[in-house]
């Protein structure tokens, strides 16, 4: 039994369960619609879709997270609800860089704003990531977004900056 989010993030079963719930055969349109209406990660955390949908699914896969980890996971779950296509081939920051929406300069400004959000400002991070998912037409890298949403720190921001700016340095 996996009982903490850091261990779950290393588990292919955890990421597979999330991908299947959002984009595969276990997808629930009603649950996703409820999550899309959430305005913050705390709204996700207390939603029926999360509490009675995703959490029991994870528990059935041997992943029983504590409340602190469930609150951390709520942010990326709320962001993933806005996704339309799972893209494991590229990091999410690279999808942003390659997006055709807006000029390169405008995307760079928005991306720098994202990188400046401190890890403690979960609401600003939630809203920014939802905007970016919409900007890229719903393409998401599940693993990348879950890791970043759960652990937004200097290391994550550096990795995202490397992925984003490597597109422009070729």
N, C-alpha and C. Protein backbone atom coordinates (compact mmCIF):
# COMPACT_ATOMS: atom_id res chain seq x y z
N UNK A 1 0.84 -1.18 0.00
CA UNK A 1 0.00 0.00 0.00
C UNK A 1 0.89 1.24 0.00
N UNK A 2 0.65 2.12 -0.95
CA UNK A 2 1.35 3.39 -1.02
C UNK A 2 0.57 4.38 -0.18
N UNK A 3 1.26 5.01 0.78
CA UNK A 3 0.53 5.88 1.70
C UNK A 3 1.00 7.33 1.73
N UNK A 4 1.84 7.73 0.77
CA UNK A 4 2.20 9.15 0.69
C UNK A 4 2.39 9.56 -0.77
N UNK A 5 2.18 10.83 -1.01
CA UNK A 5 2.18 11.33 -2.39
C UNK A 5 3.54 11.23 -3.04
N UNK A 6 4.60 11.44 -2.30
CA UNK A 6 5.94 11.34 -2.90
C UNK A 6 6.20 9.94 -3.44
N UNK A 7 5.78 8.91 -2.72
CA UNK A 7 5.92 7.53 -3.21
C UNK A 7 4.98 7.28 -4.38
N UNK A 8 3.76 7.82 -4.29
CA UNK A 8 2.79 7.63 -5.37
C UNK A 8 3.31 8.22 -6.68
N UNK A 9 3.98 9.36 -6.60
CA UNK A 9 4.50 10.02 -7.80
C UNK A 9 5.54 9.15 -8.52
N UNK A 10 6.14 8.22 -7.81
CA UNK A 10 7.13 7.31 -8.41
C UNK A 10 6.48 6.05 -8.96
N UNK A 11 5.18 5.90 -8.71
CA UNK A 11 4.48 4.67 -9.08
C UNK A 11 3.81 4.77 -10.44
N UNK A 12 4.17 3.90 -11.37
CA UNK A 12 3.48 3.89 -12.66
C UNK A 12 1.98 3.60 -12.50
N UNK A 13 1.60 2.81 -11.49
CA UNK A 13 0.19 2.48 -11.27
C UNK A 13 -0.61 3.73 -10.91
N UNK A 14 -0.02 4.61 -10.14
CA UNK A 14 -0.67 5.86 -9.75
C UNK A 14 -0.90 6.75 -10.97
N UNK A 15 0.13 6.94 -11.75
CA UNK A 15 0.01 7.79 -12.93
C UNK A 15 -0.92 7.17 -13.97
N UNK A 16 -0.89 5.86 -14.08
CA UNK A 16 -1.80 5.17 -15.00
C UNK A 16 -3.25 5.35 -14.56
N UNK A 17 -3.49 5.23 -13.25
CA UNK A 17 -4.86 5.40 -12.73
C UNK A 17 -5.37 6.80 -13.02
N UNK A 18 -4.53 7.81 -12.81
CA UNK A 18 -4.94 9.19 -13.10
C UNK A 18 -5.22 9.38 -14.58
N UNK A 19 -4.34 8.87 -15.41
CA UNK A 19 -4.51 9.02 -16.87
C UNK A 19 -5.79 8.34 -17.33
N UNK A 20 -6.06 7.15 -16.82
CA UNK A 20 -7.27 6.42 -17.22
C UNK A 20 -8.52 7.12 -16.71
N UNK A 21 -8.45 7.72 -15.53
CA UNK A 21 -9.62 8.40 -14.97
C UNK A 21 -9.94 9.67 -15.76
N UNK A 22 -8.93 10.38 -16.16
CA UNK A 22 -9.15 11.63 -16.89
C UNK A 22 -9.35 11.43 -18.38
N UNK A 23 -8.66 10.47 -18.98
CA UNK A 23 -8.64 10.37 -20.43
C UNK A 23 -9.00 8.99 -20.99
N UNK A 24 -9.19 8.01 -20.14
CA UNK A 24 -9.39 6.65 -20.63
C UNK A 24 -10.76 6.09 -20.34
N UNK A 25 -10.78 4.78 -20.22
CA UNK A 25 -12.04 4.07 -20.07
C UNK A 25 -12.73 4.31 -18.73
N UNK A 26 -12.03 4.81 -17.73
CA UNK A 26 -12.64 5.08 -16.44
C UNK A 26 -13.11 6.54 -16.33
N UNK A 27 -13.07 7.26 -17.43
CA UNK A 27 -13.43 8.67 -17.47
C UNK A 27 -14.90 8.87 -17.10
N UNK A 28 -15.14 9.84 -16.25
CA UNK A 28 -16.49 10.19 -15.85
C UNK A 28 -16.76 11.63 -16.24
N UNK A 29 -17.58 11.83 -17.25
CA UNK A 29 -17.84 13.18 -17.72
C UNK A 29 -18.47 14.06 -16.64
N UNK A 30 -19.36 13.48 -15.84
CA UNK A 30 -19.99 14.26 -14.78
C UNK A 30 -18.98 14.73 -13.74
N UNK A 31 -18.07 13.83 -13.36
CA UNK A 31 -17.03 14.19 -12.39
C UNK A 31 -16.11 15.26 -12.96
N UNK A 32 -15.73 15.11 -14.21
CA UNK A 32 -14.85 16.11 -14.82
C UNK A 32 -15.54 17.47 -14.93
N UNK A 33 -16.82 17.46 -15.24
CA UNK A 33 -17.57 18.73 -15.32
C UNK A 33 -17.61 19.41 -13.96
N UNK A 34 -17.81 18.62 -12.90
CA UNK A 34 -17.81 19.20 -11.56
C UNK A 34 -16.44 19.79 -11.23
N UNK A 35 -15.38 19.07 -11.56
CA UNK A 35 -14.03 19.56 -11.26
C UNK A 35 -13.71 20.82 -12.07
N UNK A 36 -14.20 20.89 -13.30
CA UNK A 36 -13.95 22.08 -14.13
C UNK A 36 -14.59 23.33 -13.54
N UNK A 37 -15.66 23.16 -12.80
CA UNK A 37 -16.34 24.30 -12.19
C UNK A 37 -15.63 24.80 -10.93
N UNK A 38 -14.69 24.05 -10.43
CA UNK A 38 -13.97 24.44 -9.21
C UNK A 38 -13.11 25.67 -9.48
N UNK A 39 -13.14 26.62 -8.58
CA UNK A 39 -12.39 27.88 -8.73
C UNK A 39 -11.05 27.87 -8.00
N UNK A 40 -10.81 26.84 -7.18
CA UNK A 40 -9.57 26.76 -6.42
C UNK A 40 -9.25 25.30 -6.13
N UNK A 41 -8.05 25.08 -5.67
CA UNK A 41 -7.69 23.69 -5.32
C UNK A 41 -8.48 23.22 -4.12
N UNK A 42 -8.89 24.13 -3.25
CA UNK A 42 -9.70 23.73 -2.10
C UNK A 42 -11.10 23.32 -2.53
N UNK A 43 -11.64 23.96 -3.56
CA UNK A 43 -12.92 23.52 -4.12
C UNK A 43 -12.80 22.10 -4.64
N UNK A 44 -11.69 21.79 -5.28
CA UNK A 44 -11.45 20.43 -5.78
C UNK A 44 -11.38 19.47 -4.60
N UNK A 45 -10.63 19.85 -3.58
CA UNK A 45 -10.40 19.01 -2.40
C UNK A 45 -11.70 18.59 -1.72
N UNK A 46 -12.70 19.45 -1.73
CA UNK A 46 -13.96 19.13 -1.05
C UNK A 46 -15.06 18.66 -2.01
N UNK A 47 -14.74 18.57 -3.29
CA UNK A 47 -15.76 18.20 -4.27
C UNK A 47 -16.12 16.71 -4.16
N UNK A 48 -17.36 16.41 -4.54
CA UNK A 48 -17.81 15.02 -4.58
C UNK A 48 -17.02 14.22 -5.60
N UNK A 49 -16.72 14.82 -6.73
CA UNK A 49 -15.99 14.12 -7.78
C UNK A 49 -14.64 13.62 -7.26
N UNK A 50 -14.00 14.42 -6.45
CA UNK A 50 -12.70 14.07 -5.89
C UNK A 50 -12.87 13.06 -4.76
N UNK A 51 -13.75 13.39 -3.82
CA UNK A 51 -13.92 12.57 -2.62
C UNK A 51 -14.57 11.22 -2.89
N UNK A 52 -15.54 11.19 -3.79
CA UNK A 52 -16.28 9.95 -4.03
C UNK A 52 -15.96 9.30 -5.37
N UNK A 53 -15.11 9.98 -6.14
CA UNK A 53 -14.75 9.45 -7.45
C UNK A 53 -13.30 9.02 -7.52
N UNK A 54 -12.41 10.00 -7.52
CA UNK A 54 -10.99 9.70 -7.72
C UNK A 54 -10.35 9.02 -6.51
N UNK A 55 -10.61 9.50 -5.32
CA UNK A 55 -9.95 8.94 -4.13
C UNK A 55 -10.28 7.45 -3.96
N UNK A 56 -11.56 7.04 -4.05
CA UNK A 56 -11.83 5.59 -3.96
C UNK A 56 -11.16 4.78 -5.08
N UNK A 57 -11.06 5.36 -6.27
CA UNK A 57 -10.37 4.68 -7.36
C UNK A 57 -8.90 4.45 -6.99
N UNK A 58 -8.25 5.49 -6.48
CA UNK A 58 -6.84 5.35 -6.09
C UNK A 58 -6.70 4.31 -4.98
N UNK A 59 -7.61 4.34 -4.02
CA UNK A 59 -7.56 3.36 -2.92
C UNK A 59 -7.71 1.94 -3.45
N UNK A 60 -8.55 1.76 -4.47
CA UNK A 60 -8.72 0.42 -5.05
C UNK A 60 -7.45 -0.05 -5.76
N UNK A 61 -6.56 0.88 -6.09
CA UNK A 61 -5.28 0.55 -6.74
C UNK A 61 -4.15 0.45 -5.71
N UNK A 62 -4.49 0.52 -4.41
CA UNK A 62 -3.47 0.40 -3.36
C UNK A 62 -2.78 1.70 -3.02
N UNK A 63 -3.44 2.81 -3.29
CA UNK A 63 -2.86 4.12 -3.00
C UNK A 63 -3.78 4.85 -2.02
N UNK A 64 -3.42 4.82 -0.76
CA UNK A 64 -4.22 5.44 0.28
C UNK A 64 -3.48 6.62 0.87
N UNK A 65 -3.79 7.81 0.41
CA UNK A 65 -3.07 9.02 0.83
C UNK A 65 -3.72 9.66 2.04
N UNK A 66 -2.90 10.29 2.87
CA UNK A 66 -3.39 11.05 4.00
C UNK A 66 -3.98 12.38 3.55
N UNK A 67 -4.64 13.06 4.46
CA UNK A 67 -5.34 14.30 4.11
C UNK A 67 -4.39 15.39 3.59
N UNK A 68 -3.21 15.53 4.15
CA UNK A 68 -2.27 16.55 3.67
C UNK A 68 -1.87 16.27 2.22
N UNK A 69 -1.63 15.01 1.91
CA UNK A 69 -1.28 14.64 0.53
C UNK A 69 -2.47 14.79 -0.41
N UNK A 70 -3.66 14.48 0.06
CA UNK A 70 -4.86 14.66 -0.76
C UNK A 70 -5.08 16.13 -1.08
N UNK A 71 -4.76 17.01 -0.12
CA UNK A 71 -4.88 18.45 -0.41
C UNK A 71 -3.85 18.88 -1.45
N UNK A 72 -2.64 18.38 -1.35
CA UNK A 72 -1.60 18.69 -2.36
C UNK A 72 -2.00 18.18 -3.73
N UNK A 73 -2.59 16.99 -3.79
CA UNK A 73 -2.98 16.39 -5.05
C UNK A 73 -4.16 17.10 -5.69
N UNK A 74 -4.98 17.76 -4.88
CA UNK A 74 -6.17 18.43 -5.41
C UNK A 74 -5.84 19.48 -6.46
N UNK A 75 -4.73 20.18 -6.31
CA UNK A 75 -4.37 21.21 -7.30
C UNK A 75 -4.15 20.61 -8.68
N UNK A 76 -3.25 19.63 -8.84
CA UNK A 76 -3.08 19.09 -10.19
C UNK A 76 -4.32 18.37 -10.71
N UNK A 77 -5.12 17.78 -9.83
CA UNK A 77 -6.35 17.13 -10.28
C UNK A 77 -7.29 18.16 -10.89
N UNK A 78 -7.43 19.31 -10.22
CA UNK A 78 -8.28 20.37 -10.76
C UNK A 78 -7.77 20.90 -12.09
N UNK A 79 -6.47 20.97 -12.24
CA UNK A 79 -5.89 21.44 -13.51
C UNK A 79 -6.11 20.39 -14.60
N UNK A 80 -5.88 19.12 -14.28
CA UNK A 80 -6.05 18.06 -15.27
C UNK A 80 -7.49 17.95 -15.77
N UNK A 81 -8.44 18.36 -14.95
CA UNK A 81 -9.85 18.30 -15.37
C UNK A 81 -10.09 19.15 -16.61
N UNK A 82 -9.24 20.14 -16.85
CA UNK A 82 -9.37 21.01 -18.02
C UNK A 82 -8.66 20.45 -19.25
N UNK A 83 -7.97 19.33 -19.06
CA UNK A 83 -7.25 18.72 -20.17
C UNK A 83 -8.18 17.96 -21.11
N UNK A 84 -7.74 17.86 -22.34
CA UNK A 84 -8.51 17.12 -23.35
C UNK A 84 -7.72 15.95 -23.91
N UNK A 85 -6.40 16.08 -23.95
CA UNK A 85 -5.54 15.06 -24.54
C UNK A 85 -4.34 14.81 -23.64
N UNK A 86 -4.08 13.55 -23.33
CA UNK A 86 -2.89 13.19 -22.56
C UNK A 86 -1.71 13.11 -23.52
N UNK A 87 -0.66 13.85 -23.20
CA UNK A 87 0.54 13.89 -24.04
C UNK A 87 1.75 13.54 -23.17
N UNK A 88 2.19 12.32 -23.25
CA UNK A 88 3.34 11.90 -22.46
C UNK A 88 4.65 12.14 -23.20
N UNK A 89 4.57 12.58 -24.46
CA UNK A 89 5.77 12.71 -25.29
C UNK A 89 6.59 13.96 -24.99
N UNK A 90 5.98 14.98 -24.38
CA UNK A 90 6.69 16.23 -24.12
C UNK A 90 6.32 16.78 -22.76
N UNK A 91 7.28 17.41 -22.06
CA UNK A 91 6.94 18.09 -20.81
C UNK A 91 5.93 19.22 -21.08
N UNK A 92 5.12 19.52 -20.09
CA UNK A 92 4.10 20.53 -20.28
C UNK A 92 4.70 21.89 -20.65
N UNK A 93 5.83 22.24 -20.06
CA UNK A 93 6.47 23.52 -20.39
C UNK A 93 6.86 23.58 -21.87
N UNK A 94 7.25 22.47 -22.42
CA UNK A 94 7.58 22.42 -23.85
C UNK A 94 6.32 22.60 -24.70
N UNK A 95 5.21 22.01 -24.27
CA UNK A 95 3.93 22.21 -24.97
C UNK A 95 3.57 23.69 -24.97
N UNK A 96 3.85 24.37 -23.86
CA UNK A 96 3.58 25.81 -23.77
C UNK A 96 4.44 26.57 -24.77
N UNK A 97 5.72 26.22 -24.82
CA UNK A 97 6.65 26.93 -25.71
C UNK A 97 6.27 26.74 -27.17
N UNK A 98 5.76 25.57 -27.50
CA UNK A 98 5.43 25.27 -28.88
C UNK A 98 4.01 25.69 -29.26
N UNK A 99 3.27 26.17 -28.29
CA UNK A 99 1.90 26.61 -28.54
C UNK A 99 1.88 27.75 -29.55
N UNK A 100 0.92 27.73 -30.42
CA UNK A 100 0.80 28.80 -31.41
C UNK A 100 -0.04 29.97 -30.93
N UNK A 101 -0.49 29.93 -29.68
CA UNK A 101 -1.35 31.00 -29.16
C UNK A 101 -0.52 32.20 -28.74
N UNK A 102 -0.82 33.34 -29.30
CA UNK A 102 -0.10 34.56 -28.95
C UNK A 102 1.30 34.58 -29.53
N UNK A 103 1.92 35.72 -29.42
CA UNK A 103 3.29 35.85 -29.92
C UNK A 103 4.26 35.17 -28.94
N UNK A 104 5.45 34.89 -29.44
CA UNK A 104 6.47 34.28 -28.59
C UNK A 104 6.77 35.17 -27.39
N UNK A 105 6.81 36.47 -27.62
CA UNK A 105 7.09 37.42 -26.54
C UNK A 105 6.00 37.37 -25.47
N UNK A 106 4.75 37.31 -25.90
CA UNK A 106 3.63 37.25 -24.95
C UNK A 106 3.69 35.95 -24.15
N UNK A 107 3.97 34.85 -24.83
CA UNK A 107 4.08 33.56 -24.12
C UNK A 107 5.21 33.61 -23.11
N UNK A 108 6.33 34.21 -23.49
CA UNK A 108 7.46 34.32 -22.57
C UNK A 108 7.09 35.11 -21.32
N UNK A 109 6.38 36.21 -21.48
CA UNK A 109 5.97 37.03 -20.34
C UNK A 109 5.06 36.21 -19.42
N UNK A 110 4.09 35.53 -20.01
CA UNK A 110 3.18 34.70 -19.22
C UNK A 110 3.92 33.58 -18.51
N UNK A 111 4.87 32.98 -19.21
CA UNK A 111 5.62 31.88 -18.61
C UNK A 111 6.47 32.39 -17.44
N UNK A 112 7.11 33.53 -17.61
CA UNK A 112 7.90 34.10 -16.51
C UNK A 112 7.01 34.41 -15.31
N UNK A 113 5.79 34.86 -15.56
CA UNK A 113 4.85 35.10 -14.45
C UNK A 113 4.54 33.80 -13.72
N UNK A 114 4.35 32.73 -14.48
CA UNK A 114 4.11 31.43 -13.87
C UNK A 114 5.29 31.03 -12.99
N UNK A 115 6.50 31.18 -13.51
CA UNK A 115 7.68 30.79 -12.75
C UNK A 115 7.88 31.63 -11.50
N UNK A 116 7.32 32.83 -11.48
CA UNK A 116 7.48 33.70 -10.31
C UNK A 116 6.50 33.40 -9.19
N UNK A 117 5.53 32.53 -9.43
CA UNK A 117 4.55 32.20 -8.40
C UNK A 117 5.23 31.35 -7.32
N UNK A 118 5.17 31.81 -6.07
CA UNK A 118 5.80 31.03 -5.00
C UNK A 118 5.00 29.75 -4.71
N UNK A 119 5.67 28.75 -4.23
CA UNK A 119 5.04 27.47 -3.94
C UNK A 119 3.90 27.56 -2.95
N UNK A 120 3.93 28.55 -2.08
CA UNK A 120 2.88 28.68 -1.07
C UNK A 120 1.61 29.30 -1.62
N UNK A 121 1.69 29.92 -2.78
CA UNK A 121 0.52 30.57 -3.36
C UNK A 121 -0.20 29.58 -4.29
N UNK A 122 -0.86 28.62 -3.67
CA UNK A 122 -1.50 27.53 -4.41
C UNK A 122 -2.63 28.03 -5.31
N UNK A 123 -3.35 29.06 -4.86
CA UNK A 123 -4.47 29.57 -5.65
C UNK A 123 -3.97 30.20 -6.96
N UNK A 124 -2.93 31.01 -6.87
CA UNK A 124 -2.38 31.64 -8.07
C UNK A 124 -1.83 30.58 -9.02
N UNK A 125 -1.17 29.57 -8.47
CA UNK A 125 -0.63 28.49 -9.30
C UNK A 125 -1.76 27.73 -9.98
N UNK A 126 -2.81 27.42 -9.25
CA UNK A 126 -3.96 26.71 -9.81
C UNK A 126 -4.53 27.48 -11.00
N UNK A 127 -4.81 28.76 -10.79
CA UNK A 127 -5.42 29.57 -11.86
C UNK A 127 -4.50 29.71 -13.07
N UNK A 128 -3.21 29.90 -12.81
CA UNK A 128 -2.24 30.04 -13.92
C UNK A 128 -2.16 28.75 -14.74
N UNK A 129 -2.08 27.62 -14.06
CA UNK A 129 -1.97 26.36 -14.78
C UNK A 129 -3.24 26.04 -15.57
N UNK A 130 -4.40 26.36 -15.00
CA UNK A 130 -5.65 26.15 -15.75
C UNK A 130 -5.64 27.01 -17.01
N UNK A 131 -5.21 28.26 -16.91
CA UNK A 131 -5.13 29.14 -18.08
C UNK A 131 -4.20 28.57 -19.15
N UNK A 132 -3.06 28.04 -18.70
CA UNK A 132 -2.10 27.48 -19.65
C UNK A 132 -2.64 26.21 -20.31
N UNK A 133 -3.36 25.38 -19.57
CA UNK A 133 -3.96 24.19 -20.19
C UNK A 133 -4.93 24.62 -21.29
N UNK A 134 -5.71 25.62 -21.01
CA UNK A 134 -6.63 26.13 -22.03
C UNK A 134 -5.86 26.71 -23.22
N UNK A 135 -4.77 27.39 -22.93
CA UNK A 135 -3.98 28.03 -23.98
C UNK A 135 -3.40 27.01 -24.97
N UNK A 136 -3.04 25.82 -24.47
CA UNK A 136 -2.46 24.80 -25.34
C UNK A 136 -3.53 23.85 -25.89
N UNK A 137 -4.77 24.25 -25.80
CA UNK A 137 -5.86 23.46 -26.37
C UNK A 137 -6.18 22.19 -25.61
N UNK A 138 -5.80 22.14 -24.34
CA UNK A 138 -6.13 20.98 -23.52
C UNK A 138 -5.11 19.86 -23.55
N UNK A 139 -3.98 20.06 -24.22
CA UNK A 139 -2.92 19.04 -24.20
C UNK A 139 -2.21 19.09 -22.85
N UNK A 140 -2.09 17.95 -22.19
CA UNK A 140 -1.44 17.91 -20.89
C UNK A 140 -0.52 16.70 -20.78
N UNK A 141 0.56 16.88 -20.07
CA UNK A 141 1.42 15.78 -19.69
C UNK A 141 1.04 15.46 -18.25
N UNK A 142 0.33 14.36 -18.04
CA UNK A 142 -0.23 14.04 -16.72
C UNK A 142 0.86 13.98 -15.66
N UNK A 143 1.89 13.21 -15.91
CA UNK A 143 2.96 13.05 -14.91
C UNK A 143 3.60 14.40 -14.58
N UNK A 144 3.91 15.16 -15.59
CA UNK A 144 4.57 16.45 -15.42
C UNK A 144 3.71 17.43 -14.61
N UNK A 145 2.43 17.50 -14.93
CA UNK A 145 1.54 18.42 -14.22
C UNK A 145 1.26 17.96 -12.79
N UNK A 146 1.13 16.67 -12.58
CA UNK A 146 0.89 16.18 -11.22
C UNK A 146 2.10 16.46 -10.34
N UNK A 147 3.28 16.17 -10.86
CA UNK A 147 4.50 16.44 -10.07
C UNK A 147 4.64 17.94 -9.77
N UNK A 148 4.45 18.76 -10.78
CA UNK A 148 4.61 20.20 -10.59
C UNK A 148 3.54 20.77 -9.66
N UNK A 149 2.30 20.36 -9.87
CA UNK A 149 1.22 20.87 -9.04
C UNK A 149 1.33 20.46 -7.58
N UNK A 150 1.86 19.28 -7.35
CA UNK A 150 2.01 18.78 -5.99
C UNK A 150 3.28 19.32 -5.34
N UNK A 151 4.31 19.60 -6.13
CA UNK A 151 5.62 20.00 -5.60
C UNK A 151 6.17 21.20 -6.36
N UNK A 152 5.51 22.33 -6.31
CA UNK A 152 5.95 23.53 -7.01
C UNK A 152 7.04 24.19 -6.17
N UNK A 153 8.28 24.05 -6.59
CA UNK A 153 9.41 24.59 -5.84
C UNK A 153 10.49 25.06 -6.82
N UNK A 154 11.62 25.49 -6.30
CA UNK A 154 12.68 26.01 -7.17
C UNK A 154 13.16 24.98 -8.18
N UNK A 155 13.28 23.74 -7.76
CA UNK A 155 13.73 22.69 -8.67
C UNK A 155 12.73 22.48 -9.80
N UNK A 156 11.45 22.47 -9.48
CA UNK A 156 10.42 22.31 -10.50
C UNK A 156 10.45 23.48 -11.47
N UNK A 157 10.54 24.69 -10.93
CA UNK A 157 10.58 25.87 -11.80
C UNK A 157 11.79 25.85 -12.72
N UNK A 158 12.93 25.42 -12.21
CA UNK A 158 14.14 25.33 -13.03
C UNK A 158 13.95 24.30 -14.15
N UNK A 159 13.39 23.14 -13.81
CA UNK A 159 13.15 22.11 -14.83
C UNK A 159 12.18 22.60 -15.90
N UNK A 160 11.15 23.31 -15.49
CA UNK A 160 10.20 23.85 -16.46
C UNK A 160 10.86 24.90 -17.33
N UNK A 161 11.69 25.75 -16.75
CA UNK A 161 12.38 26.78 -17.53
C UNK A 161 13.30 26.12 -18.56
N UNK A 162 14.01 25.08 -18.17
CA UNK A 162 14.89 24.38 -19.11
C UNK A 162 14.08 23.79 -20.27
N UNK A 163 12.96 23.15 -19.95
CA UNK A 163 12.13 22.55 -21.00
C UNK A 163 11.54 23.62 -21.92
N UNK A 164 11.10 24.72 -21.34
CA UNK A 164 10.47 25.79 -22.11
C UNK A 164 11.49 26.48 -23.03
N UNK A 165 12.61 26.90 -22.46
CA UNK A 165 13.57 27.68 -23.24
C UNK A 165 14.43 26.82 -24.16
N UNK A 166 14.45 25.51 -23.97
CA UNK A 166 15.22 24.65 -24.88
C UNK A 166 14.59 24.65 -26.28
N UNK A 167 13.30 24.93 -26.37
CA UNK A 167 12.62 25.01 -27.66
C UNK A 167 13.16 26.19 -28.46
N UNK A 168 13.46 27.28 -27.80
CA UNK A 168 13.89 28.50 -28.45
C UNK A 168 15.39 28.53 -28.73
N UNK A 169 16.12 27.60 -28.13
CA UNK A 169 17.57 27.60 -28.29
C UNK A 169 18.04 26.63 -29.37
N UNK A 170 17.12 26.10 -30.15
CA UNK A 170 17.51 25.14 -31.18
C UNK A 170 17.63 25.80 -32.52
